[in-house]
């Protein structure tokens, strides 16, 4: 079971994950 986390923290984690994904896509997709 996942630990209970505040919605703002979860949103921040998703935002960071999206930024990482976008950075990887940019690096590997356009290099």
PDB file of N, CA and C in Angstrom:
ATOM      1  N   UNK A   1       0.843  -1.195   0.000  1.00  0.00           N
ATOM      2  CA  UNK A   1       0.000   0.000   0.000  1.00  0.00           C
ATOM      3  C   UNK A   1       0.883   1.251   0.000  1.00  0.00           C
ATOM      4  N   UNK A   2       0.463   2.252  -0.788  1.00  0.00           N
ATOM      5  CA  UNK A   2       1.258   3.465  -0.876  1.00  0.00           C
ATOM      6  C   UNK A   2       1.071   4.322   0.368  1.00  0.00           C
ATOM      7  N   UNK A   3       2.127   4.998   0.804  1.00  0.00           N
ATOM      8  CA  UNK A   3       1.978   5.928   1.926  1.00  0.00           C
ATOM      9  C   UNK A   3       1.081   7.094   1.533  1.00  0.00           C
ATOM     10  N   UNK A   4       0.311   7.575   2.483  1.00  0.00           N
ATOM     11  CA  UNK A   4      -0.587   8.695   2.212  1.00  0.00           C
ATOM     12  C   UNK A   4       0.234   9.976   2.111  1.00  0.00           C
ATOM     13  N   UNK A   5       0.034  10.699   1.023  1.00  0.00           N
ATOM     14  CA  UNK A   5       0.790  11.933   0.813  1.00  0.00           C
ATOM     15  C   UNK A   5      -0.172  13.060   0.461  1.00  0.00           C
ATOM     16  N   UNK A   6       0.185  14.297   0.831  1.00  0.00           N
ATOM     17  CA  UNK A   6      -0.667  15.441   0.484  1.00  0.00           C
ATOM     18  C   UNK A   6      -0.767  15.592  -1.023  1.00  0.00           C
ATOM     19  N   UNK A   7      -1.892  16.127  -1.483  1.00  0.00           N
ATOM     20  CA  UNK A   7      -2.104  16.280  -2.920  1.00  0.00           C
ATOM     21  C   UNK A   7      -1.067  17.205  -3.548  1.00  0.00           C
ATOM     22  N   UNK A   8      -0.664  18.247  -2.824  1.00  0.00           N
ATOM     23  CA  UNK A   8       0.324  19.166  -3.390  1.00  0.00           C
ATOM     24  C   UNK A   8       1.650  18.462  -3.614  1.00  0.00           C
ATOM     25  N   UNK A   9       2.036  17.591  -2.684  1.00  0.00           N
ATOM     26  CA  UNK A   9       3.288  16.853  -2.839  1.00  0.00           C
ATOM     27  C   UNK A   9       3.199  15.906  -4.023  1.00  0.00           C
ATOM     28  N   UNK A  10       2.042  15.246  -4.151  1.00  0.00           N
ATOM     29  CA  UNK A  10       1.847  14.328  -5.272  1.00  0.00           C
ATOM     30  C   UNK A  10       1.910  15.089  -6.591  1.00  0.00           C
ATOM     31  N   UNK A  11       1.272  16.258  -6.631  1.00  0.00           N
ATOM     32  CA  UNK A  11       1.290  17.089  -7.833  1.00  0.00           C
ATOM     33  C   UNK A  11       2.717  17.512  -8.165  1.00  0.00           C
ATOM     34  N   UNK A  12       3.487  17.866  -7.136  1.00  0.00           N
ATOM     35  CA  UNK A  12       4.882  18.267  -7.351  1.00  0.00           C
ATOM     36  C   UNK A  12       5.684  17.100  -7.919  1.00  0.00           C
ATOM     37  N   UNK A  13       5.453  15.895  -7.396  1.00  0.00           N
ATOM     38  CA  UNK A  13       6.164  14.719  -7.896  1.00  0.00           C
ATOM     39  C   UNK A  13       5.825  14.473  -9.360  1.00  0.00           C
ATOM     40  N   UNK A  14       4.545  14.620  -9.708  1.00  0.00           N
ATOM     41  CA  UNK A  14       4.138  14.418 -11.098  1.00  0.00           C
ATOM     42  C   UNK A  14       4.784  15.463 -12.002  1.00  0.00           C
ATOM     43  N   UNK A  15       4.847  16.689 -11.511  1.00  0.00           N
ATOM     44  CA  UNK A  15       5.440  17.769 -12.296  1.00  0.00           C
ATOM     45  C   UNK A  15       6.921  17.485 -12.553  1.00  0.00           C
ATOM     46  N   UNK A  16       7.634  17.040 -11.519  1.00  0.00           N
ATOM     47  CA  UNK A  16       9.051  16.702 -11.671  1.00  0.00           C
ATOM     48  C   UNK A  16       9.215  15.544 -12.646  1.00  0.00           C
ATOM     49  N   UNK A  17       8.349  14.528 -12.520  1.00  0.00           N
ATOM     50  CA  UNK A  17       8.430  13.371 -13.410  1.00  0.00           C
ATOM     51  C   UNK A  17       8.205  13.798 -14.857  1.00  0.00           C
ATOM     52  N   UNK A  18       7.245  14.695 -15.080  1.00  0.00           N
ATOM     53  CA  UNK A  18       6.974  15.180 -16.434  1.00  0.00           C
ATOM     54  C   UNK A  18       8.164  15.965 -16.980  1.00  0.00           C
ATOM     55  N   UNK A  19       8.804  16.755 -16.123  1.00  0.00           N
ATOM     56  CA  UNK A  19       9.966  17.530 -16.557  1.00  0.00           C
ATOM     57  C   UNK A  19      11.121  16.602 -16.922  1.00  0.00           C
ATOM     58  N   UNK A  20      11.319  15.550 -16.127  1.00  0.00           N
ATOM     59  CA  UNK A  20      12.379  14.588 -16.409  1.00  0.00           C
ATOM     60  C   UNK A  20      12.100  13.884 -17.723  1.00  0.00           C
ATOM     61  N   UNK A  21      10.845  13.490 -17.929  1.00  0.00           N
ATOM     62  CA  UNK A  21      10.458  12.795 -19.156  1.00  0.00           C
ATOM     63  C   UNK A  21      10.681  13.702 -20.366  1.00  0.00           C
ATOM     64  N   UNK A  22      10.300  14.967 -20.238  1.00  0.00           N
ATOM     65  CA  UNK A  22      10.474  15.915 -21.336  1.00  0.00           C
ATOM     66  C   UNK A  22      11.961  16.120 -21.630  1.00  0.00           C
ATOM     67  N   UNK A  23      12.774  16.203 -20.592  1.00  0.00           N
ATOM     68  CA  UNK A  23      14.215  16.388 -20.782  1.00  0.00           C
ATOM     69  C   UNK A  23      14.815  15.178 -21.488  1.00  0.00           C
ATOM     70  N   UNK A  24      14.426  13.979 -21.076  1.00  0.00           N
ATOM     71  CA  UNK A  24      14.935  12.767 -21.712  1.00  0.00           C
ATOM     72  C   UNK A  24      14.498  12.701 -23.165  1.00  0.00           C
ATOM     73  N   UNK A  25      13.248  13.058 -23.428  1.00  0.00           N
ATOM     74  CA  UNK A  25      12.736  13.045 -24.802  1.00  0.00           C
ATOM     75  C   UNK A  25      13.533  14.025 -25.662  1.00  0.00           C
ATOM     76  N   UNK A  26      13.811  15.200 -25.108  1.00  0.00           N
ATOM     77  CA  UNK A  26      14.563  16.212 -25.854  1.00  0.00           C
ATOM     78  C   UNK A  26      15.985  15.730 -26.134  1.00  0.00           C
ATOM     79  N   UNK A  27      16.632  15.162 -25.102  1.00  0.00           N
ATOM     80  CA  UNK A  27      18.025  14.724 -25.248  1.00  0.00           C
ATOM     81  C   UNK A  27      18.126  13.559 -26.233  1.00  0.00           C
ATOM     82  N   UNK A  28      17.275  12.553 -26.062  1.00  0.00           N
ATOM     83  CA  UNK A  28      17.398  11.351 -26.881  1.00  0.00           C
ATOM     84  C   UNK A  28      16.634  11.460 -28.200  1.00  0.00           C
ATOM     85  N   UNK A  29      15.666  12.369 -28.251  1.00  0.00           N
ATOM     86  CA  UNK A  29      14.851  12.470 -29.457  1.00  0.00           C
ATOM     87  C   UNK A  29      15.449  13.405 -30.502  1.00  0.00           C
ATOM     88  N   UNK A  30      16.266  14.378 -30.056  1.00  0.00           N
ATOM     89  CA  UNK A  30      16.769  15.382 -30.989  1.00  0.00           C
ATOM     90  C   UNK A  30      18.290  15.416 -31.058  1.00  0.00           C
ATOM     91  N   UNK A  31      18.947  14.470 -30.405  1.00  0.00           N
ATOM     92  CA  UNK A  31      20.408  14.466 -30.437  1.00  0.00           C
ATOM     93  C   UNK A  31      20.915  13.797 -31.711  1.00  0.00           C
TER      94      UNK A  31
END
